[in-house]
Each structure stands twice: as C-alpha cells, then as structure tokens.
Amino acid sequence: MVEKKQPKVQVRNLTKKFGDLLVLNDISFDVQAGEFLCIVGPTGCGKTTFLNSLTKLYEPTAGEILLDGEPVDLKKHNIAYIFQEYSTMPWLTVEENVRFGLDIKGVEKQKANKLVDEYLDIVGLTKYRKYYPDQLSASMLQRVVIARAFATQPELLLMDEPYGQLDIQLRYHLEDELISLWQRTGTTVIFITHNIEEAVYLGQRILVLTNKPTSIKQAIDNDLPRPRKIASPDFVKLRNEVTDLIKWW
C-alpha cells in the first residue's frame, strides 16, 4: 500500500469576519509540496484577506491553516510574501534589498553573498546591483522583489497580484521568469490574481472563489503543457471555462 503524502499546506474551515461582515466562509483545501496554485475570483471577494490570514496578519475567526502538519508560525516556517505594491526599500541598493531577508534570518555572510549573487544573476540584475530603486524601471523593481523572495529559499511563496501594475508585454516576460524560477527551485507557490489569463498561464491548479461571503466555487486542474500558448484552442477553452465561473451573476 502506497503511503499518501501529507499536503504542504492544509486549509481547514477557514472563516474570517470583520465585525458582522463575513468575508471568508468555511474555506478548506490543500496545496501539495512544489505546487503552483492560482486563486482567482471577483474583485473584492477576499483573496488578499485569505493571504493575510495565512501569514497571520489577520487572525482567522475560525478554522486553521497548517504548514507541514503544524499551525503556521512565521517564527518557525520560512514563508515569503510578494505584495501588490512595489516593496523595495528606497534607501537600500539592489543587492542590499535582495540581501535583506537573508540578514533578517541571520544567514551566514558567505552563504548570503553566494545567494545574492546567484539570484541577481538569475533575474538579470547583476550589473545593477549598486543601483537604488528610484533608478530602476517597473519591471526591474519587480525582479528585485522576486530575487529577494527566492533568495531566502522559502518553503512557501505567497504572491498577491504582483504584476497588476505592469503592461502586458512586461507581465508575460516576468511570468516566464517566475515559472523558470519555480521549476528550478521547487518552491510551493500560492498566487493571487484577478487576471484569468494570468491564472491559466501560470497555475497547475486554479481555485475559483465566489463573491463575499467567499467560498470555493470550483477547483480546476490545469495540465496544459509548458510553455503555454495563449492563442491555442485548449488555452482559450480553459480561460473561457474559468471566466464563466467568475461571472458575478
């Protein structure tokens, strides 16, 4: 008998209220180790509230979130979070921004230097390492943030609409870089987006959320081959399927 592997993330009956307002309504699902999960839903349905509950920025009203079978504990678990807004620190150079999480975690200097060099090279920012954020383009700023997140070698990476402010061409370029990094590192990724095409392009699985009070409307496996072609009939079919699920009426 084959032993069933324990999921990396287990969300059980997650409920979040703000006063009398019920935002998350009894949500349960699993995320496997190394999975790239996309979560989509109508604007304002509670996607960010879910991520903030996962990181304990918000304390759940009920239910639990387990990482490797234990309640999420940011002092114990290595979780990285990429926000909607650019989160570089303007007073630090590119390499200092990438090193920041490593310093916080007390990583030994020689190892930190190696990781910073490696991820600056991966995202193509080595020659900009002494630049400050106000000297960089929008796409370069996002590369800094992504390099900083991956450099800490997180067991779970949370991404909250990180490309929402970029134009389409830049978004696809950075999405391809993200997929390459994910495949290289095997990091478990939960990616929040309101962009259905982005979810179909990135995710191995897509969770579709309802309007508030938010629950899971449907989970969809996405086994389209990579690299994905947005004009292919199978891609368009899946995009339309997800779109139909998210209609507000």
C-alpha atoms as a PDB file:
ATOM      1  CA  MET A   1       0.000   0.000   0.000  1.00  0.00           C
ATOM      2  CA  VAL A   2       1.409   3.398  -1.069  1.00  0.00           C
ATOM      3  CA  GLU A   3       1.518   5.908   1.762  1.00  0.00           C
ATOM      4  CA  LYS A   4      -0.310   9.123   0.892  1.00  0.00           C
ATOM      5  CA  LYS A   5       1.913  12.189   1.165  1.00  0.00           C
ATOM      6  CA  GLN A   6       0.850  14.905   3.559  1.00  0.00           C
ATOM      7  CA  PRO A   7      -0.031  18.170   1.770  1.00  0.00           C
ATOM      8  CA  LYS A   8       2.371  21.076   2.218  1.00  0.00           C
ATOM      9  CA  VAL A   9      -0.486  23.429   3.130  1.00  0.00           C
ATOM     10  CA  GLN A  10      -3.806  22.392   4.657  1.00  0.00           C
ATOM     11  CA  VAL A  11      -6.566  24.983   4.987  1.00  0.00           C
ATOM     12  CA  ARG A  12      -9.391  23.717   7.165  1.00  0.00           C
ATOM     13  CA  ASN A  13     -12.735  25.529   7.612  1.00  0.00           C
ATOM     14  CA  LEU A  14     -11.064  28.941   7.361  1.00  0.00           C
ATOM     15  CA  THR A  15     -13.526  31.666   8.347  1.00  0.00           C
ATOM     16  CA  LYS A  16     -12.835  35.382   8.739  1.00  0.00           C
ATOM     17  CA  LYS A  17     -15.234  38.048   9.974  1.00  0.00           C
ATOM     18  CA  PHE A  18     -14.677  41.764  10.422  1.00  0.00           C
ATOM     19  CA  GLY A  19     -17.354  42.628  12.954  1.00  0.00           C
ATOM     20  CA  ASP A  20     -20.604  41.367  11.438  1.00  0.00           C
ATOM     21  CA  LEU A  21     -19.128  41.204   7.917  1.00  0.00           C
ATOM     22  CA  LEU A  22     -18.387  37.616   6.891  1.00  0.00           C
ATOM     23  CA  VAL A  23     -15.558  37.676   4.333  1.00  0.00           C
ATOM     24  CA  LEU A  24     -14.185  34.117   4.237  1.00  0.00           C
ATOM     25  CA  ASN A  25     -16.815  31.441   4.712  1.00  0.00           C
ATOM     26  CA  ASP A  26     -15.627  27.977   5.789  1.00  0.00           C
ATOM     27  CA  ILE A  27     -12.872  27.523   3.178  1.00  0.00           C
ATOM     28  CA  SER A  28     -10.990  24.199   3.001  1.00  0.00           C
ATOM     29  CA  PHE A  29      -8.364  22.999   0.502  1.00  0.00           C
ATOM     30  CA  ASP A  30      -4.870  21.501   0.284  1.00  0.00           C
ATOM     31  CA  VAL A  31      -1.723  22.550  -1.552  1.00  0.00           C
ATOM     32  CA  GLN A  32       0.869  19.919  -2.414  1.00  0.00           C
ATOM     33  CA  ALA A  33       4.604  20.468  -1.983  1.00  0.00           C
ATOM     34  CA  GLY A  34       6.047  22.183  -5.058  1.00  0.00           C
ATOM     35  CA  GLU A  35       2.627  23.042  -6.468  1.00  0.00           C
ATOM     36  CA  PHE A  36       1.887  26.314  -8.264  1.00  0.00           C
ATOM     37  CA  LEU A  37      -1.658  27.208  -7.206  1.00  0.00           C
ATOM     38  CA  CYS A  38      -3.509  30.227  -8.596  1.00  0.00           C
ATOM     39  CA  ILE A  39      -6.508  31.717  -6.812  1.00  0.00           C
ATOM     40  CA  VAL A  40      -8.950  33.859  -8.790  1.00  0.00           C
ATOM     41  CA  GLY A  41     -12.267  35.491  -8.042  1.00  0.00           C
ATOM     42  CA  PRO A  42     -14.287  38.684  -8.411  1.00  0.00           C
ATOM     43  CA  THR A  43     -12.669  41.929  -7.298  1.00  0.00           C
ATOM     44  CA  GLY A  44     -13.139  42.449  -3.568  1.00  0.00           C
ATOM     45  CA  CYS A  45     -14.091  38.844  -2.853  1.00  0.00           C
ATOM     46  CA  GLY A  46     -11.454  38.350  -0.153  1.00  0.00           C
ATOM     47  CA  LYS A  47      -8.396  36.975  -1.975  1.00  0.00           C
ATOM     48  CA  THR A  48      -5.979  39.268  -0.117  1.00  0.00           C
ATOM     49  CA  THR A  49      -7.785  38.618   3.172  1.00  0.00           C
ATOM     50  CA  PHE A  50      -7.029  34.935   2.657  1.00  0.00           C
ATOM     51  CA  LEU A  51      -3.299  35.578   2.179  1.00  0.00           C
ATOM     52  CA  ASN A  52      -3.235  37.892   5.174  1.00  0.00           C
ATOM     53  CA  SER A  53      -4.870  35.152   7.250  1.00  0.00           C
ATOM     54  CA  LEU A  54      -2.274  32.691   6.018  1.00  0.00           C
ATOM     55  CA  THR A  55       0.537  34.923   7.244  1.00  0.00           C
ATOM     56  CA  LYS A  56      -1.280  35.762  10.481  1.00  0.00           C
ATOM     57  CA  LEU A  57      -1.531  39.442   9.579  1.00  0.00           C
ATOM     58  CA  TYR A  58      -5.185  38.668  10.251  1.00  0.00           C
ATOM     59  CA  GLU A  59      -6.149  36.147  12.900  1.00  0.00           C
ATOM     60  CA  PRO A  60      -8.788  33.750  11.497  1.00  0.00           C
ATOM     61  CA  THR A  61     -12.173  33.895  13.199  1.00  0.00           C
ATOM     62  CA  ALA A  62     -12.410  30.111  12.915  1.00  0.00           C
ATOM     63  CA  GLY A  63     -10.598  27.215  11.288  1.00  0.00           C
ATOM     64  CA  GLU A  64      -6.896  26.583  10.894  1.00  0.00           C
ATOM     65  CA  ILE A  65      -4.035  26.726   8.400  1.00  0.00           C
ATOM     66  CA  LEU A  66      -1.358  24.061   8.679  1.00  0.00           C
ATOM     67  CA  LEU A  67       2.084  24.017   7.081  1.00  0.00           C
ATOM     68  CA  ASP A  68       3.696  20.574   7.087  1.00  0.00           C
ATOM     69  CA  GLY A  69       1.031  19.466   9.542  1.00  0.00           C
ATOM     70  CA  GLU A  70       1.682  22.264  12.059  1.00  0.00           C
ATOM     71  CA  PRO A  71      -0.128  25.580  12.616  1.00  0.00           C
ATOM     72  CA  VAL A  72       1.514  28.337  10.566  1.00  0.00           C
ATOM     73  CA  ASP A  73       4.169  30.047  12.652  1.00  0.00           C
ATOM     74  CA  LEU A  74       6.264  32.747  10.997  1.00  0.00           C
ATOM     75  CA  LYS A  75       8.956  32.272  13.647  1.00  0.00           C
ATOM     76  CA  LYS A  76       9.336  28.648  12.597  1.00  0.00           C
ATOM     77  CA  HIS A  77       8.258  28.457   8.951  1.00  0.00           C
ATOM     78  CA  ASN A  78      10.099  30.082   6.059  1.00  0.00           C
ATOM     79  CA  ILE A  79       7.394  31.993   4.180  1.00  0.00           C
ATOM     80  CA  ALA A  80       7.972  34.794   1.666  1.00  0.00           C
ATOM     81  CA  TYR A  81       5.266  37.281   0.613  1.00  0.00           C
ATOM     82  CA  ILE A  82       5.293  39.430  -2.529  1.00  0.00           C
ATOM     83  CA  PHE A  83       2.745  42.254  -2.287  1.00  0.00           C
ATOM     84  CA  GLN A  84       0.726  44.117  -4.895  1.00  0.00           C
ATOM     85  CA  GLU A  85       2.751  47.277  -4.380  1.00  0.00           C
ATOM     86  CA  TYR A  86       6.462  47.558  -5.062  1.00  0.00           C
ATOM     87  CA  SER A  87       8.059  46.688  -1.740  1.00  0.00           C
ATOM     88  CA  THR A  88      11.674  47.592  -2.323  1.00  0.00           C
ATOM     89  CA  MET A  89      13.290  49.789   0.314  1.00  0.00           C
ATOM     90  CA  PRO A  90      14.368  53.030  -1.390  1.00  0.00           C
ATOM     91  CA  TRP A  91      17.341  53.639   0.926  1.00  0.00           C
ATOM     92  CA  LEU A  92      18.919  50.270   0.044  1.00  0.00           C
ATOM     93  CA  THR A  93      20.715  49.311  -3.157  1.00  0.00           C
ATOM     94  CA  VAL A  94      19.514  46.446  -5.312  1.00  0.00           C
ATOM     95  CA  GLU A  95      21.885  43.959  -3.705  1.00  0.00           C
ATOM     96  CA  GLU A  96      21.046  45.237  -0.215  1.00  0.00           C
ATOM     97  CA  ASN A  97      17.343  44.774  -0.952  1.00  0.00           C
ATOM     98  CA  VAL A  98      17.947  41.208  -2.132  1.00  0.00           C
ATOM     99  CA  ARG A  99      20.078  40.513   0.944  1.00  0.00           C
ATOM    100  CA  PHE A 100      17.541  41.983   3.381  1.00  0.00           C
ATOM    101  CA  GLY A 101      15.581  38.802   4.098  1.00  0.00           C
ATOM    102  CA  LEU A 102      18.777  36.804   4.486  1.00  0.00           C
ATOM    103  CA  ASP A 103      20.093  39.277   7.057  1.00  0.00           C
ATOM    104  CA  ILE A 104      16.807  39.143   8.972  1.00  0.00           C
ATOM    105  CA  LYS A 105      17.057  35.363   9.086  1.00  0.00           C
ATOM    106  CA  GLY A 106      20.673  35.517  10.251  1.00  0.00           C
ATOM    107  CA  VAL A 107      22.100  33.632   7.262  1.00  0.00           C
ATOM    108  CA  GLU A 108      25.886  33.300   7.448  1.00  0.00           C
ATOM    109  CA  LYS A 109      27.616  36.052   5.441  1.00  0.00           C
ATOM    110  CA  GLN A 110      29.429  33.858   2.915  1.00  0.00           C
ATOM    111  CA  LYS A 111      26.276  31.877   2.133  1.00  0.00           C
ATOM    112  CA  ALA A 112      24.252  35.104   1.900  1.00  0.00           C
ATOM    113  CA  ASN A 113      26.767  36.577  -0.543  1.00  0.00           C
ATOM    114  CA  LYS A 114      26.508  33.478  -2.726  1.00  0.00           C
ATOM    115  CA  LEU A 115      22.700  33.523  -2.717  1.00  0.00           C
ATOM    116  CA  VAL A 116      22.562  37.245  -3.529  1.00  0.00           C
ATOM    117  CA  ASP A 117      24.989  36.771  -6.433  1.00  0.00           C
ATOM    118  CA  GLU A 118      23.056  33.752  -7.711  1.00  0.00           C
ATOM    119  CA  TYR A 119      19.636  35.394  -7.727  1.00  0.00           C
ATOM    120  CA  LEU A 120      20.849  38.710  -9.079  1.00  0.00           C
ATOM    121  CA  ASP A 121      22.288  36.733 -11.988  1.00  0.00           C
ATOM    122  CA  ILE A 122      19.077  34.714 -12.473  1.00  0.00           C
ATOM    123  CA  VAL A 123      16.906  37.842 -12.749  1.00  0.00           C
ATOM    124  CA  GLY A 124      19.472  39.728 -14.848  1.00  0.00           C
ATOM    125  CA  LEU A 125      20.312  42.479 -12.346  1.00  0.00           C
ATOM    126  CA  THR A 126      23.984  41.779 -11.600  1.00  0.00           C
ATOM    127  CA  LYS A 127      25.212  44.929 -13.326  1.00  0.00           C
ATOM    128  CA  TYR A 128      22.574  46.994 -11.490  1.00  0.00           C
ATOM    129  CA  ARG A 129      23.477  45.725  -8.022  1.00  0.00           C
ATOM    130  CA  LYS A 130      24.681  49.136  -6.795  1.00  0.00           C
ATOM    131  CA  TYR A 131      21.666  51.000  -8.164  1.00  0.00           C
ATOM    132  CA  TYR A 132      18.876  52.332  -5.954  1.00  0.00           C
ATOM    133  CA  PRO A 133      15.167  51.604  -6.582  1.00  0.00           C
ATOM    134  CA  ASP A 134      14.433  55.088  -7.933  1.00  0.00           C
ATOM    135  CA  GLN A 135      16.923  54.382 -10.738  1.00  0.00           C
ATOM    136  CA  LEU A 136      15.061  51.265 -11.917  1.00  0.00           C
ATOM    137  CA  SER A 137      12.150  50.571 -14.249  1.00  0.00           C
ATOM    138  CA  ALA A 138       8.928  48.923 -13.060  1.00  0.00           C
ATOM    139  CA  SER A 139       9.939  45.502 -14.351  1.00  0.00           C
ATOM    140  CA  MET A 140      13.367  45.774 -12.729  1.00  0.00           C
ATOM    141  CA  LEU A 141      11.771  46.672  -9.401  1.00  0.00           C
ATOM    142  CA  GLN A 142       9.665  43.515  -9.573  1.00  0.00           C
ATOM    143  CA  ARG A 143      12.772  41.477 -10.392  1.00  0.00           C
ATOM    144  CA  VAL A 144      14.405  42.811  -7.221  1.00  0.00           C
ATOM    145  CA  VAL A 145      11.387  41.761  -5.157  1.00  0.00           C
ATOM    146  CA  ILE A 146      11.269  38.304  -6.747  1.00  0.00           C
ATOM    147  CA  ALA A 147      15.015  37.783  -6.260  1.00  0.00           C
ATOM    148  CA  ARG A 148      14.688  38.824  -2.605  1.00  0.00           C
ATOM    149  CA  ALA A 149      11.858  36.346  -2.051  1.00  0.00           C
ATOM    150  CA  PHE A 150      13.554  33.382  -3.734  1.00  0.00           C
ATOM    151  CA  ALA A 151      16.950  34.126  -2.169  1.00  0.00           C
ATOM    152  CA  THR A 152      15.545  33.217   1.257  1.00  0.00           C
ATOM    153  CA  GLN A 153      14.727  29.767  -0.204  1.00  0.00           C
ATOM    154  CA  PRO A 154      11.159  29.835   1.153  1.00  0.00           C
ATOM    155  CA  GLU A 155       9.169  26.681   1.683  1.00  0.00           C
ATOM    156  CA  LEU A 156       6.069  28.674   0.727  1.00  0.00           C
ATOM    157  CA  LEU A 157       5.877  31.753  -1.511  1.00  0.00           C
ATOM    158  CA  LEU A 158       2.740  33.905  -1.436  1.00  0.00           C
ATOM    159  CA  MET A 159       2.168  36.355  -4.289  1.00  0.00           C
ATOM    160  CA  ASP A 160      -0.640  38.921  -4.249  1.00  0.00           C
ATOM    161  CA  GLU A 161      -1.272  40.267  -7.768  1.00  0.00           C
ATOM    162  CA  PRO A 162       2.407  41.211  -8.197  1.00  0.00           C
ATOM    163  CA  TYR A 163       2.127  42.108 -11.890  1.00  0.00           C
ATOM    164  CA  GLY A 164      -1.141  44.027 -11.811  1.00  0.00           C
ATOM    165  CA  GLN A 165       0.529  47.394 -12.458  1.00  0.00           C
ATOM    166  CA  LEU A 166       2.604  46.250 -15.452  1.00  0.00           C
ATOM    167  CA  ASP A 167       1.741  46.307 -19.145  1.00  0.00           C
ATOM    168  CA  ILE A 168       1.001  43.040 -20.925  1.00  0.00           C
ATOM    169  CA  GLN A 169       4.403  42.560 -22.567  1.00  0.00           C
ATOM    170  CA  LEU A 170       6.309  43.090 -19.313  1.00  0.00           C
ATOM    171  CA  ARG A 171       3.867  40.895 -17.420  1.00  0.00           C
ATOM    172  CA  TYR A 172       4.381  37.906 -19.714  1.00  0.00           C
ATOM    173  CA  HIS A 173       8.147  38.317 -19.593  1.00  0.00           C
ATOM    174  CA  LEU A 174       8.163  38.344 -15.787  1.00  0.00           C
ATOM    175  CA  GLU A 175       5.676  35.462 -15.638  1.00  0.00           C
ATOM    176  CA  ASP A 176       8.063  33.377 -17.748  1.00  0.00           C
ATOM    177  CA  GLU A 177      10.918  34.267 -15.394  1.00  0.00           C
ATOM    178  CA  LEU A 178       8.758  33.293 -12.423  1.00  0.00           C
ATOM    179  CA  ILE A 179       7.903  29.898 -13.940  1.00  0.00           C
ATOM    180  CA  SER A 180      11.579  29.277 -14.632  1.00  0.00           C
ATOM    181  CA  LEU A 181      12.491  30.092 -11.016  1.00  0.00           C
ATOM    182  CA  TRP A 182       9.666  27.950  -9.655  1.00  0.00           C
ATOM    183  CA  GLN A 183      10.705  24.976 -11.784  1.00  0.00           C
ATOM    184  CA  ARG A 184      14.334  25.432 -10.750  1.00  0.00           C
ATOM    185  CA  THR A 185      13.672  25.710  -7.011  1.00  0.00           C
ATOM    186  CA  GLY A 186      10.591  23.529  -6.443  1.00  0.00           C
ATOM    187  CA  THR A 187       9.072  26.192  -4.179  1.00  0.00           C
ATOM    188  CA  THR A 188       5.380  25.881  -3.288  1.00  0.00           C
ATOM    189  CA  VAL A 189       3.598  28.954  -4.688  1.00  0.00           C
ATOM    190  CA  ILE A 190       0.163  30.411  -3.962  1.00  0.00           C
ATOM    191  CA  PHE A 191      -0.514  33.167  -6.497  1.00  0.00           C
ATOM    192  CA  ILE A 192      -3.484  35.537  -6.145  1.00  0.00           C
ATOM    193  CA  THR A 193      -4.732  37.273  -9.268  1.00  0.00           C
ATOM    194  CA  HIS A 194      -7.893  38.792 -10.736  1.00  0.00           C
ATOM    195  CA  ASN A 195      -6.451  38.215 -14.222  1.00  0.00           C
ATOM    196  CA  ILE A 196      -7.940  34.975 -15.564  1.00  0.00           C
ATOM    197  CA  GLU A 197      -5.476  34.671 -18.449  1.00  0.00           C
ATOM    198  CA  GLU A 198      -2.604  35.019 -15.962  1.00  0.00           C
ATOM    199  CA  ALA A 199      -4.044  32.243 -13.786  1.00  0.00           C
ATOM    200  CA  VAL A 200      -4.361  29.891 -16.762  1.00  0.00           C
ATOM    201  CA  TYR A 201      -0.859  30.795 -17.963  1.00  0.00           C
ATOM    202  CA  LEU A 202       0.805  30.174 -14.593  1.00  0.00           C
ATOM    203  CA  GLY A 203      -1.116  27.711 -12.469  1.00  0.00           C
ATOM    204  CA  GLN A 204      -1.014  23.941 -12.172  1.00  0.00           C
ATOM    205  CA  ARG A 205      -4.350  24.270 -10.422  1.00  0.00           C
ATOM    206  CA  ILE A 206      -6.851  27.119 -10.210  1.00  0.00           C
ATOM    207  CA  LEU A 207      -9.179  27.798  -7.281  1.00  0.00           C
ATOM    208  CA  VAL A 208     -12.160  29.908  -8.288  1.00  0.00           C
ATOM    209  CA  LEU A 209     -13.695  31.900  -5.428  1.00  0.00           C
ATOM    210  CA  THR A 210     -17.234  33.252  -5.107  1.00  0.00           C
ATOM    211  CA  ASN A 211     -18.324  36.745  -4.145  1.00  0.00           C
ATOM    212  CA  LYS A 212     -18.487  37.549  -0.421  1.00  0.00           C
ATOM    213  CA  PRO A 213     -19.097  35.713   1.788  1.00  0.00           C
ATOM    214  CA  THR A 214     -16.287  33.939  -0.038  1.00  0.00           C
ATOM    215  CA  SER A 215     -16.106  30.208  -0.524  1.00  0.00           C
ATOM    216  CA  ILE A 216     -14.509  27.966  -3.146  1.00  0.00           C
ATOM    217  CA  LYS A 217     -16.730  27.692  -6.190  1.00  0.00           C
ATOM    218  CA  GLN A 218     -14.578  25.176  -8.024  1.00  0.00           C
ATOM    219  CA  ALA A 219     -11.029  23.770  -8.215  1.00  0.00           C
ATOM    220  CA  ILE A 220      -9.697  23.187 -11.734  1.00  0.00           C
ATOM    221  CA  ASP A 221      -6.620  21.151 -12.659  1.00  0.00           C
ATOM    222  CA  ASN A 222      -4.533  22.795 -15.360  1.00  0.00           C
ATOM    223  CA  ASP A 223      -2.359  20.307 -17.214  1.00  0.00           C
ATOM    224  CA  LEU A 224      -1.719  22.441 -20.298  1.00  0.00           C
ATOM    225  CA  PRO A 225       1.860  21.838 -21.497  1.00  0.00           C
ATOM    226  CA  ARG A 226       4.546  24.461 -20.914  1.00  0.00           C
ATOM    227  CA  PRO A 227       5.476  26.836 -22.396  1.00  0.00           C
ATOM    228  CA  ARG A 228       1.812  27.723 -22.740  1.00  0.00           C
ATOM    229  CA  LYS A 229       0.422  29.357 -25.866  1.00  0.00           C
ATOM    230  CA  ILE A 230      -2.308  31.876 -25.040  1.00  0.00           C
ATOM    231  CA  ALA A 231      -3.847  31.568 -28.505  1.00  0.00           C
ATOM    232  CA  SER A 232      -4.051  27.762 -28.512  1.00  0.00           C
ATOM    233  CA  PRO A 233      -7.582  26.272 -28.571  1.00  0.00           C
ATOM    234  CA  ASP A 234      -7.028  24.413 -25.275  1.00  0.00           C
ATOM    235  CA  PHE A 235      -5.795  27.573 -23.534  1.00  0.00           C
ATOM    236  CA  VAL A 236      -8.752  29.612 -24.799  1.00  0.00           C
ATOM    237  CA  LYS A 237     -11.173  26.851 -23.775  1.00  0.00           C
ATOM    238  CA  LEU A 238      -9.844  26.750 -20.201  1.00  0.00           C
ATOM    239  CA  ARG A 239      -9.747  30.551 -19.957  1.00  0.00           C
ATOM    240  CA  ASN A 240     -13.388  30.715 -21.043  1.00  0.00           C
ATOM    241  CA  GLU A 241     -14.330  27.998 -18.541  1.00  0.00           C
ATOM    242  CA  VAL A 242     -12.795  29.980 -15.679  1.00  0.00           C
ATOM    243  CA  THR A 243     -14.326  33.229 -16.955  1.00  0.00           C
ATOM    244  CA  ASP A 244     -17.794  31.693 -16.935  1.00  0.00           C
ATOM    245  CA  LEU A 245     -17.305  30.578 -13.324  1.00  0.00           C
ATOM    246  CA  ILE A 246     -16.330  34.081 -12.192  1.00  0.00           C
ATOM    247  CA  LYS A 247     -19.286  35.923 -13.694  1.00  0.00           C
ATOM    248  CA  TRP A 248     -20.921  37.958 -10.978  1.00  0.00           C
ATOM    249  CA  TRP A 249     -24.476  36.948 -11.712  1.00  0.00           C
END
